[in-house]
Amino acid sequence: MARIRTTRERWIEEGLRALAAGGPDAVRVEALAKDLGVTKGGFYGSFADRDALLEAMLDTWEREATDEVLARVEREGGDPRTRITRAGVLTFSSDRLLPLDLAVRDWARRDAAVAERLRRVDERRMGLLRELIGTLCTDPDEVEARSLLAFCLAIGEHLLTTGHGDRTRAQVLARAADLLVAPSS
């Protein structure tokens, strides 16, 4: 009976799952093989070493977090607020991209190459915000400030544990979004 080879994509997916759950130290070939129910020997048919897997994982994350999100935002269209909201929801509300984004951000604090990759991803995201917010106001300083605030809100709200009195987090986020995308006076 022929043995079915574990695909490169399955190794990457399992690596991304481990990264999201435990950071880069959790991405270990032996542990991934065990989780996949295979021997680690098959790993080397797809990757030269663990570093090659980590690089492929980052490639997958970057493609999904930027190329695919930006393409979907463009394809589905809408007014600037709708497009900003869609990009944020796709990136920072999903069970897949949010945990990966947070894990990559943490990893980037300790790895210069990962930090450079994260910087590239963040620049593309900020580029979209600048473009869309730029349709709401013309002052370049205001566009940059609003874009930064919107991006910080999208990331930071997942890290805050504060309450909001008699308001829900959703209510406060909606109001903050309203302020950020209000037409300039």
N, C-alpha and C. Protein backbone atom coordinates (compact mmCIF):
# COMPACT_ATOMS: atom_id res chain seq x y z
N MET A 1 0.84 -1.18 0.00
CA MET A 1 0.00 0.00 0.00
C MET A 1 0.88 1.25 0.00
N ALA A 2 0.61 2.17 -0.89
CA ALA A 2 1.41 3.39 -0.99
C ALA A 2 1.14 4.30 0.20
N ARG A 3 2.18 4.92 0.64
CA ARG A 3 2.06 5.85 1.76
C ARG A 3 1.79 7.25 1.23
N ILE A 4 0.81 7.93 1.81
CA ILE A 4 0.46 9.29 1.39
C ILE A 4 1.41 10.26 2.09
N ARG A 5 2.04 11.09 1.28
CA ARG A 5 3.01 12.06 1.80
C ARG A 5 2.27 13.27 2.39
N THR A 6 2.73 13.74 3.53
CA THR A 6 2.18 14.94 4.13
C THR A 6 2.63 16.13 3.28
N THR A 7 1.68 16.90 2.81
CA THR A 7 2.02 18.00 1.91
C THR A 7 2.74 19.14 2.64
N ARG A 8 3.44 19.90 1.87
CA ARG A 8 4.11 21.11 2.37
C ARG A 8 3.09 22.03 3.04
N GLU A 9 1.91 22.16 2.40
CA GLU A 9 0.86 23.04 2.93
C GLU A 9 0.38 22.57 4.30
N ARG A 10 0.29 21.28 4.51
CA ARG A 10 -0.14 20.78 5.82
C ARG A 10 0.90 21.09 6.89
N TRP A 11 2.18 20.98 6.55
CA TRP A 11 3.23 21.34 7.50
C TRP A 11 3.14 22.83 7.84
N ILE A 12 2.91 23.65 6.82
CA ILE A 12 2.80 25.09 7.04
C ILE A 12 1.59 25.39 7.92
N GLU A 13 0.46 24.79 7.60
CA GLU A 13 -0.76 25.02 8.39
C GLU A 13 -0.56 24.60 9.84
N GLU A 14 0.05 23.47 10.06
CA GLU A 14 0.29 23.01 11.43
C GLU A 14 1.28 23.92 12.14
N GLY A 15 2.28 24.40 11.39
CA GLY A 15 3.23 25.36 11.96
C GLY A 15 2.55 26.66 12.34
N LEU A 16 1.66 27.15 11.50
CA LEU A 16 0.92 28.39 11.81
C LEU A 16 0.03 28.20 13.03
N ARG A 17 -0.59 27.03 13.13
CA ARG A 17 -1.42 26.74 14.31
C ARG A 17 -0.56 26.77 15.58
N ALA A 18 0.61 26.14 15.50
CA ALA A 18 1.51 26.12 16.66
C ALA A 18 2.02 27.52 16.99
N LEU A 19 2.34 28.31 15.96
CA LEU A 19 2.80 29.68 16.16
C LEU A 19 1.74 30.50 16.89
N ALA A 20 0.51 30.41 16.42
CA ALA A 20 -0.59 31.17 17.03
C ALA A 20 -0.82 30.75 18.47
N ALA A 21 -0.64 29.48 18.75
CA ALA A 21 -0.90 28.96 20.10
C ALA A 21 0.25 29.20 21.06
N GLY A 22 1.49 29.15 20.56
CA GLY A 22 2.61 29.20 21.50
C GLY A 22 3.83 29.97 21.05
N GLY A 23 3.72 30.70 19.96
CA GLY A 23 4.87 31.46 19.48
C GLY A 23 5.83 30.60 18.70
N PRO A 24 6.92 31.19 18.23
CA PRO A 24 7.85 30.46 17.36
C PRO A 24 8.54 29.28 18.05
N ASP A 25 8.70 29.35 19.35
CA ASP A 25 9.33 28.22 20.05
C ASP A 25 8.46 26.96 20.02
N ALA A 26 7.17 27.14 19.80
CA ALA A 26 6.25 26.00 19.73
C ALA A 26 6.30 25.32 18.37
N VAL A 27 6.95 25.95 17.40
CA VAL A 27 7.06 25.37 16.06
C VAL A 27 8.30 24.48 16.04
N ARG A 28 8.09 23.24 16.43
CA ARG A 28 9.16 22.24 16.47
C ARG A 28 8.76 21.07 15.57
N VAL A 29 9.69 20.63 14.76
CA VAL A 29 9.41 19.60 13.76
C VAL A 29 8.83 18.35 14.41
N GLU A 30 9.43 17.89 15.48
CA GLU A 30 8.96 16.68 16.13
C GLU A 30 7.53 16.84 16.65
N ALA A 31 7.24 17.99 17.26
CA ALA A 31 5.89 18.23 17.79
C ALA A 31 4.88 18.35 16.65
N LEU A 32 5.27 19.00 15.56
CA LEU A 32 4.36 19.12 14.42
C LEU A 32 4.06 17.75 13.83
N ALA A 33 5.09 16.94 13.69
CA ALA A 33 4.90 15.59 13.14
C ALA A 33 3.94 14.79 14.01
N LYS A 34 4.12 14.89 15.31
CA LYS A 34 3.22 14.19 16.23
C LYS A 34 1.78 14.68 16.06
N ASP A 35 1.60 16.00 15.99
CA ASP A 35 0.26 16.56 15.83
C ASP A 35 -0.37 16.16 14.50
N LEU A 36 0.47 16.00 13.47
CA LEU A 36 -0.03 15.57 12.16
C LEU A 36 -0.21 14.05 12.07
N GLY A 37 0.34 13.34 13.06
CA GLY A 37 0.24 11.89 13.05
C GLY A 37 1.16 11.23 12.03
N VAL A 38 2.32 11.86 11.81
CA VAL A 38 3.29 11.33 10.85
C VAL A 38 4.66 11.32 11.49
N THR A 39 5.63 10.75 10.78
CA THR A 39 7.01 10.79 11.27
C THR A 39 7.66 12.09 10.81
N LYS A 40 8.67 12.52 11.52
CA LYS A 40 9.31 13.78 11.15
C LYS A 40 10.17 13.64 9.89
N GLY A 41 10.47 12.42 9.47
CA GLY A 41 11.25 12.23 8.26
C GLY A 41 10.60 12.85 7.04
N GLY A 42 9.28 12.83 6.97
CA GLY A 42 8.57 13.41 5.84
C GLY A 42 8.72 14.92 5.74
N PHE A 43 9.01 15.53 6.86
CA PHE A 43 9.21 16.97 6.89
C PHE A 43 10.31 17.38 5.92
N TYR A 44 11.39 16.60 5.91
CA TYR A 44 12.57 16.96 5.13
C TYR A 44 12.37 16.75 3.63
N GLY A 45 11.25 16.14 3.24
CA GLY A 45 10.90 16.09 1.82
C GLY A 45 10.31 17.40 1.35
N SER A 46 9.85 18.22 2.29
CA SER A 46 9.24 19.51 1.95
C SER A 46 10.10 20.71 2.32
N PHE A 47 10.93 20.56 3.34
CA PHE A 47 11.73 21.68 3.85
C PHE A 47 13.15 21.23 4.15
N ALA A 48 14.10 22.12 3.89
CA ALA A 48 15.49 21.81 4.20
C ALA A 48 15.72 21.74 5.71
N ASP A 49 15.01 22.63 6.44
CA ASP A 49 15.18 22.69 7.88
C ASP A 49 14.04 23.50 8.49
N ARG A 50 14.06 23.65 9.79
CA ARG A 50 13.02 24.40 10.50
C ARG A 50 12.96 25.85 10.03
N ASP A 51 14.11 26.46 9.78
CA ASP A 51 14.12 27.85 9.31
C ASP A 51 13.37 28.00 7.99
N ALA A 52 13.48 27.02 7.11
CA ALA A 52 12.76 27.07 5.84
C ALA A 52 11.25 27.01 6.09
N LEU A 53 10.84 26.20 7.06
CA LEU A 53 9.42 26.14 7.42
C LEU A 53 8.96 27.48 7.97
N LEU A 54 9.73 28.07 8.88
CA LEU A 54 9.36 29.36 9.46
C LEU A 54 9.22 30.42 8.37
N GLU A 55 10.12 30.41 7.41
CA GLU A 55 10.06 31.37 6.30
C GLU A 55 8.79 31.14 5.47
N ALA A 56 8.47 29.89 5.19
CA ALA A 56 7.25 29.58 4.43
C ALA A 56 6.00 29.97 5.21
N MET A 57 6.04 29.80 6.51
CA MET A 57 4.91 30.21 7.35
C MET A 57 4.71 31.72 7.27
N LEU A 58 5.81 32.47 7.36
CA LEU A 58 5.72 33.92 7.27
C LEU A 58 5.24 34.35 5.88
N ASP A 59 5.67 33.64 4.84
CA ASP A 59 5.18 33.94 3.49
C ASP A 59 3.67 33.76 3.42
N THR A 60 3.18 32.68 3.99
CA THR A 60 1.74 32.40 3.98
C THR A 60 0.99 33.46 4.77
N TRP A 61 1.48 33.78 5.96
CA TRP A 61 0.84 34.81 6.78
C TRP A 61 0.81 36.15 6.04
N GLU A 62 1.93 36.54 5.45
CA GLU A 62 2.00 37.83 4.76
C GLU A 62 1.02 37.86 3.58
N ARG A 63 0.97 36.79 2.81
CA ARG A 63 0.05 36.73 1.67
C ARG A 63 -1.40 36.84 2.15
N GLU A 64 -1.76 36.08 3.16
CA GLU A 64 -3.13 36.10 3.65
C GLU A 64 -3.48 37.43 4.32
N ALA A 65 -2.54 37.98 5.07
CA ALA A 65 -2.80 39.19 5.86
C ALA A 65 -2.77 40.46 5.02
N THR A 66 -2.16 40.41 3.85
CA THR A 66 -2.11 41.62 3.02
C THR A 66 -2.74 41.36 1.66
N ASP A 67 -2.10 40.56 0.83
CA ASP A 67 -2.57 40.37 -0.55
C ASP A 67 -4.03 39.95 -0.59
N GLU A 68 -4.38 38.94 0.18
CA GLU A 68 -5.75 38.42 0.12
C GLU A 68 -6.75 39.39 0.75
N VAL A 69 -6.37 40.01 1.86
CA VAL A 69 -7.28 40.98 2.48
C VAL A 69 -7.47 42.18 1.57
N LEU A 70 -6.39 42.75 1.05
CA LEU A 70 -6.50 43.92 0.19
C LEU A 70 -7.27 43.61 -1.10
N ALA A 71 -7.06 42.43 -1.65
CA ALA A 71 -7.79 42.04 -2.86
C ALA A 71 -9.29 41.93 -2.58
N ARG A 72 -9.63 41.36 -1.44
CA ARG A 72 -11.05 41.22 -1.10
C ARG A 72 -11.68 42.59 -0.84
N VAL A 73 -10.97 43.45 -0.13
CA VAL A 73 -11.49 44.80 0.12
C VAL A 73 -11.74 45.51 -1.21
N GLU A 74 -10.81 45.40 -2.12
CA GLU A 74 -10.96 46.03 -3.44
C GLU A 74 -12.12 45.40 -4.22
N ARG A 75 -12.17 44.09 -4.22
CA ARG A 75 -13.19 43.37 -4.99
C ARG A 75 -14.60 43.68 -4.48
N GLU A 76 -14.77 43.75 -3.16
CA GLU A 76 -16.10 43.95 -2.59
C GLU A 76 -16.50 45.42 -2.54
N GLY A 77 -15.52 46.32 -2.68
CA GLY A 77 -15.80 47.75 -2.80
C GLY A 77 -16.55 48.36 -1.63
N GLY A 78 -17.23 49.47 -1.93
CA GLY A 78 -17.97 50.20 -0.91
C GLY A 78 -17.34 51.55 -0.66
N ASP A 79 -17.99 52.31 0.23
CA ASP A 79 -17.45 53.62 0.58
C ASP A 79 -16.22 53.43 1.47
N PRO A 80 -15.47 54.50 1.73
CA PRO A 80 -14.24 54.36 2.52
C PRO A 80 -14.45 53.70 3.88
N ARG A 81 -15.50 54.09 4.59
CA ARG A 81 -15.73 53.51 5.92
C ARG A 81 -15.98 52.01 5.81
N THR A 82 -16.77 51.60 4.85
CA THR A 82 -17.06 50.17 4.65
C THR A 82 -15.78 49.41 4.34
N ARG A 83 -14.96 49.98 3.50
CA ARG A 83 -13.71 49.30 3.12
C ARG A 83 -12.74 49.23 4.29
N ILE A 84 -12.64 50.31 5.08
CA ILE A 84 -11.78 50.30 6.27
C ILE A 84 -12.27 49.25 7.25
N THR A 85 -13.57 49.24 7.48
CA THR A 85 -14.15 48.28 8.42
C THR A 85 -13.92 46.86 7.93
N ARG A 86 -14.12 46.61 6.65
CA ARG A 86 -13.93 45.27 6.10
C ARG A 86 -12.48 44.82 6.29
N ALA A 87 -11.53 45.68 6.00
CA ALA A 87 -10.12 45.33 6.17
C ALA A 87 -9.82 44.99 7.62
N GLY A 88 -10.35 45.80 8.53
CA GLY A 88 -10.12 45.54 9.96
C GLY A 88 -10.75 44.24 10.41
N VAL A 89 -11.97 43.99 9.98
CA VAL A 89 -12.67 42.76 10.37
C VAL A 89 -11.94 41.55 9.81
N LEU A 90 -11.56 41.61 8.55
CA LEU A 90 -10.87 40.47 7.94
C LEU A 90 -9.55 40.17 8.64
N THR A 91 -8.86 41.22 9.05
CA THR A 91 -7.53 41.05 9.64
C THR A 91 -7.56 40.81 11.15
N PHE A 92 -8.37 41.58 11.86
CA PHE A 92 -8.26 41.58 13.31
C PHE A 92 -9.44 40.97 14.03
N SER A 93 -10.36 40.34 13.32
CA SER A 93 -11.48 39.69 13.98
C SER A 93 -11.55 38.20 13.67
N SER A 94 -10.75 37.74 12.75
CA SER A 94 -10.85 36.34 12.36
C SER A 94 -10.14 35.43 13.34
N ASP A 95 -10.63 34.23 13.42
CA ASP A 95 -9.99 33.24 14.29
C ASP A 95 -8.64 32.81 13.75
N ARG A 96 -8.37 33.10 12.50
CA ARG A 96 -7.09 32.72 11.91
C ARG A 96 -6.09 33.86 11.94
N LEU A 97 -6.43 35.00 11.33
CA LEU A 97 -5.43 36.05 11.18
C LEU A 97 -5.11 36.80 12.47
N LEU A 98 -6.09 37.03 13.32
CA LEU A 98 -5.80 37.76 14.56
C LEU A 98 -4.76 37.04 15.43
N PRO A 99 -4.94 35.76 15.76
CA PRO A 99 -3.92 35.10 16.58
C PRO A 99 -2.55 35.06 15.90
N LEU A 100 -2.53 34.91 14.58
CA LEU A 100 -1.26 34.91 13.87
C LEU A 100 -0.62 36.29 13.92
N ASP A 101 -1.41 37.33 13.72
CA ASP A 101 -0.89 38.69 13.75
C ASP A 101 -0.27 38.99 15.12
N LEU A 102 -0.98 38.64 16.17
CA LEU A 102 -0.46 38.90 17.52
C LEU A 102 0.81 38.09 17.78
N ALA A 103 0.84 36.84 17.31
CA ALA A 103 2.03 36.00 17.50
C ALA A 103 3.21 36.56 16.72
N VAL A 104 2.99 37.00 15.49
CA VAL A 104 4.08 37.57 14.69
C VAL A 104 4.57 38.86 15.33
N ARG A 105 3.67 39.68 15.85
CA ARG A 105 4.08 40.92 16.53
C ARG A 105 4.97 40.61 17.72
N ASP A 106 4.60 39.61 18.50
CA ASP A 106 5.42 39.23 19.65
C ASP A 106 6.78 38.70 19.18
N TRP A 107 6.77 37.87 18.18
CA TRP A 107 8.00 37.29 17.63
C TRP A 107 8.91 38.39 17.10
N ALA A 108 8.34 39.40 16.45
CA ALA A 108 9.12 40.49 15.87
C ALA A 108 9.89 41.28 16.92
N ARG A 109 9.43 41.24 18.16
CA ARG A 109 10.15 41.95 19.23
C ARG A 109 11.52 41.34 19.48
N ARG A 110 11.71 40.08 19.08
CA ARG A 110 12.95 39.37 19.35
C ARG A 110 13.73 38.94 18.11
N ASP A 111 13.19 39.23 16.92
CA ASP A 111 13.82 38.76 15.69
C ASP A 111 13.76 39.88 14.64
N ALA A 112 14.91 40.39 14.28
CA ALA A 112 14.98 41.54 13.36
C ALA A 112 14.40 41.22 11.99
N ALA A 113 14.61 40.01 11.48
CA ALA A 113 14.07 39.65 10.16
C ALA A 113 12.54 39.60 10.20
N VAL A 114 11.99 39.09 11.27
CA VAL A 114 10.53 39.06 11.42
C VAL A 114 10.00 40.48 11.59
N ALA A 115 10.74 41.31 12.32
CA ALA A 115 10.34 42.71 12.50
C ALA A 115 10.29 43.43 11.16
N GLU A 116 11.25 43.15 10.28
CA GLU A 116 11.26 43.77 8.96
C GLU A 116 10.06 43.29 8.14
N ARG A 117 9.74 42.03 8.24
CA ARG A 117 8.57 41.49 7.52
C ARG A 117 7.29 42.14 8.05
N LEU A 118 7.17 42.26 9.37
CA LEU A 118 6.00 42.89 9.98
C LEU A 118 5.90 44.35 9.54
N ARG A 119 7.02 45.03 9.47
CA ARG A 119 7.04 46.43 9.03
C ARG A 119 6.48 46.54 7.61
N ARG A 120 6.87 45.61 6.74
CA ARG A 120 6.38 45.61 5.37
C ARG A 120 4.85 45.40 5.33
N VAL A 121 4.36 44.47 6.12
CA VAL A 121 2.92 44.21 6.20
C VAL A 121 2.20 45.44 6.74
N ASP A 122 2.71 46.00 7.82
CA ASP A 122 2.08 47.17 8.41
C ASP A 122 2.08 48.36 7.45
N GLU A 123 3.13 48.52 6.67
CA GLU A 123 3.18 49.62 5.69
C GLU A 123 2.08 49.46 4.65
N ARG A 124 1.85 48.24 4.22
CA ARG A 124 0.78 48.03 3.23
C ARG A 124 -0.58 48.32 3.86
N ARG A 125 -0.77 47.90 5.10
CA ARG A 125 -2.03 48.17 5.78
C ARG A 125 -2.23 49.67 5.98
N MET A 126 -1.17 50.35 6.42
CA MET A 126 -1.26 51.80 6.61
C MET A 126 -1.49 52.49 5.27
N GLY A 127 -0.93 51.96 4.20
CA GLY A 127 -1.16 52.54 2.88
C GLY A 127 -2.64 52.55 2.53
N LEU A 128 -3.32 51.45 2.83
CA LEU A 128 -4.76 51.39 2.57
C LEU A 128 -5.49 52.42 3.43
N LEU A 129 -5.14 52.50 4.71
CA LEU A 129 -5.78 53.48 5.58
C LEU A 129 -5.54 54.90 5.09
N ARG A 130 -4.32 55.20 4.73
CA ARG A 130 -4.01 56.56 4.23
C ARG A 130 -4.85 56.88 2.99
N GLU A 131 -4.92 55.93 2.08
CA GLU A 131 -5.68 56.14 0.85
C GLU A 131 -7.15 56.40 1.15
N LEU A 132 -7.75 55.56 1.99
CA LEU A 132 -9.18 55.67 2.25
C LEU A 132 -9.51 56.87 3.14
N ILE A 133 -8.73 57.10 4.17
CA ILE A 133 -8.97 58.25 5.04
C ILE A 133 -8.68 59.54 4.28
N GLY A 134 -7.76 59.46 3.31
CA GLY A 134 -7.46 60.61 2.47
C GLY A 134 -8.64 61.06 1.62
N THR A 135 -9.63 60.20 1.46
CA THR A 135 -10.84 60.61 0.73
C THR A 135 -11.80 61.36 1.66
N LEU A 136 -11.55 61.31 2.96
CA LEU A 136 -12.42 61.96 3.94
C LEU A 136 -11.89 63.32 4.38
N CYS A 137 -10.59 63.49 4.26
CA CYS A 137 -9.98 64.77 4.64
C CYS A 137 -8.74 64.98 3.78
N THR A 138 -8.35 66.22 3.62
CA THR A 138 -7.24 66.53 2.72
C THR A 138 -5.95 66.92 3.43
N ASP A 139 -6.03 67.24 4.71
CA ASP A 139 -4.84 67.63 5.45
C ASP A 139 -3.95 66.40 5.67
N PRO A 140 -2.74 66.37 5.11
CA PRO A 140 -1.87 65.20 5.23
C PRO A 140 -1.56 64.82 6.68
N ASP A 141 -1.44 65.81 7.54
CA ASP A 141 -1.17 65.52 8.95
C ASP A 141 -2.36 64.83 9.60
N GLU A 142 -3.56 65.27 9.24
CA GLU A 142 -4.76 64.65 9.78
C GLU A 142 -4.95 63.24 9.22
N VAL A 143 -4.66 63.06 7.95
CA VAL A 143 -4.75 61.72 7.35
C VAL A 143 -3.81 60.77 8.08
N GLU A 144 -2.59 61.21 8.30
CA GLU A 144 -1.60 60.34 8.98
C GLU A 144 -2.03 60.04 10.41
N ALA A 145 -2.50 61.06 11.12
CA ALA A 145 -2.92 60.87 12.52
C ALA A 145 -4.12 59.93 12.60
N ARG A 146 -5.10 60.13 11.77
CA ARG A 146 -6.28 59.26 11.78
C ARG A 146 -5.90 57.83 11.40
N SER A 147 -5.03 57.69 10.42
CA SER A 147 -4.60 56.35 10.00
C SER A 147 -3.88 55.64 11.14
N LEU A 148 -2.99 56.35 11.81
CA LEU A 148 -2.29 55.76 12.94
C LEU A 148 -3.26 55.37 14.05
N LEU A 149 -4.17 56.27 14.39
CA LEU A 149 -5.14 55.97 15.44
C LEU A 149 -6.02 54.77 15.07
N ALA A 150 -6.44 54.69 13.82
CA ALA A 150 -7.27 53.57 13.38
C ALA A 150 -6.50 52.26 13.49
N PHE A 151 -5.24 52.27 13.09
CA PHE A 151 -4.42 51.06 13.14
C PHE A 151 -4.16 50.66 14.59
N CYS A 152 -3.82 51.63 15.42
CA CYS A 152 -3.58 51.34 16.84
C CYS A 152 -4.84 50.80 17.51
N LEU A 153 -5.98 51.34 17.16
CA LEU A 153 -7.25 50.86 17.69
C LEU A 153 -7.48 49.41 17.29
N ALA A 154 -7.24 49.10 16.03
CA ALA A 154 -7.47 47.74 15.53
C ALA A 154 -6.60 46.72 16.25
N ILE A 155 -5.37 47.07 16.53
CA ILE A 155 -4.46 46.14 17.21
C ILE A 155 -4.67 46.21 18.72
N GLY A 156 -4.68 47.41 19.26
CA GLY A 156 -4.69 47.59 20.71
C GLY A 156 -5.94 47.12 21.40
N GLU A 157 -7.08 47.17 20.71
CA GLU A 157 -8.30 46.77 21.39
C GLU A 157 -8.27 45.30 21.79
N HIS A 158 -7.43 44.51 21.14
CA HIS A 158 -7.31 43.10 21.49
C HIS A 158 -6.39 42.88 22.70
N LEU A 159 -5.68 43.91 23.08
CA LEU A 159 -4.73 43.80 24.18
C LEU A 159 -5.24 44.45 25.46
N LEU A 160 -6.26 45.27 25.35
CA LEU A 160 -6.80 45.98 26.51
C LEU A 160 -7.79 45.12 27.27
N THR A 161 -7.79 45.25 28.57
CA THR A 161 -8.73 44.51 29.40
C THR A 161 -9.66 45.43 30.18
N THR A 162 -9.57 46.71 29.91
CA THR A 162 -10.37 47.69 30.63
C THR A 162 -11.85 47.58 30.30
N GLY A 163 -12.66 48.01 31.24
CA GLY A 163 -14.09 48.11 31.01
C GLY A 163 -14.43 49.50 30.52
N HIS A 164 -15.70 49.71 30.21
CA HIS A 164 -16.13 50.99 29.66
C HIS A 164 -17.39 51.49 30.38
N GLY A 165 -17.45 51.29 31.67
CA GLY A 165 -18.61 51.75 32.43
C GLY A 165 -19.86 51.04 31.98
N ASP A 166 -20.89 51.81 31.65
CA ASP A 166 -22.15 51.20 31.25
C ASP A 166 -22.22 50.96 29.74
N ARG A 167 -21.10 51.15 29.04
CA ARG A 167 -21.04 50.90 27.60
C ARG A 167 -20.33 49.57 27.34
N THR A 168 -20.71 48.93 26.26
CA THR A 168 -20.02 47.71 25.87
C THR A 168 -18.78 48.08 25.06
N ARG A 169 -17.88 47.15 24.93
CA ARG A 169 -16.70 47.37 24.10
C ARG A 169 -17.14 47.66 22.66
N ALA A 170 -18.13 46.93 22.18
CA ALA A 170 -18.61 47.13 20.81
C ALA A 170 -19.14 48.56 20.62
N GLN A 171 -19.83 49.08 21.60
CA GLN A 171 -20.35 50.44 21.50
C GLN A 171 -19.21 51.46 21.44
N VAL A 172 -18.22 51.27 22.28
CA VAL A 172 -17.09 52.20 22.32
C VAL A 172 -16.29 52.11 21.02
N LEU A 173 -16.09 50.90 20.51
CA LEU A 173 -15.37 50.74 19.25
C LEU A 173 -16.12 51.39 18.09
N ALA A 174 -17.42 51.22 18.07
CA ALA A 174 -18.23 51.83 17.01
C ALA A 174 -18.11 53.35 17.06
N ARG A 175 -18.16 53.92 18.26
CA ARG A 175 -18.04 55.38 18.39
C ARG A 175 -16.65 55.85 17.97
N ALA A 176 -15.63 55.11 18.38
CA ALA A 176 -14.26 55.46 17.99
C ALA A 176 -14.12 55.42 16.46
N ALA A 177 -14.68 54.41 15.85
CA ALA A 177 -14.63 54.31 14.38
C ALA A 177 -15.36 55.48 13.74
N ASP A 178 -16.50 55.85 14.30
CA ASP A 178 -17.24 57.01 13.78
C ASP A 178 -16.37 58.27 13.81
N LEU A 179 -15.67 58.46 14.90
CA LEU A 179 -14.81 59.65 15.03
C LEU A 179 -13.67 59.62 14.03
N LEU A 180 -13.09 58.44 13.82
CA LEU A 180 -11.93 58.32 12.93
C LEU A 180 -12.28 58.51 11.46
N VAL A 181 -13.49 58.15 11.08
CA VAL A 181 -13.85 58.24 9.66
C VAL A 181 -14.88 59.32 9.38
N ALA A 182 -15.06 60.22 10.32
CA ALA A 182 -15.96 61.35 10.09
C ALA A 182 -15.33 62.29 9.07
N PRO A 183 -16.13 62.83 8.18
CA PRO A 183 -15.58 63.80 7.23
C PRO A 183 -14.94 64.97 7.98
N SER A 184 -13.89 65.49 7.42
CA SER A 184 -13.20 66.63 8.02
C SER A 184 -14.07 67.87 7.93
N SER A 185 -14.02 68.67 8.98
CA SER A 185 -14.84 69.90 8.95
C SER A 185 -14.07 71.09 8.44
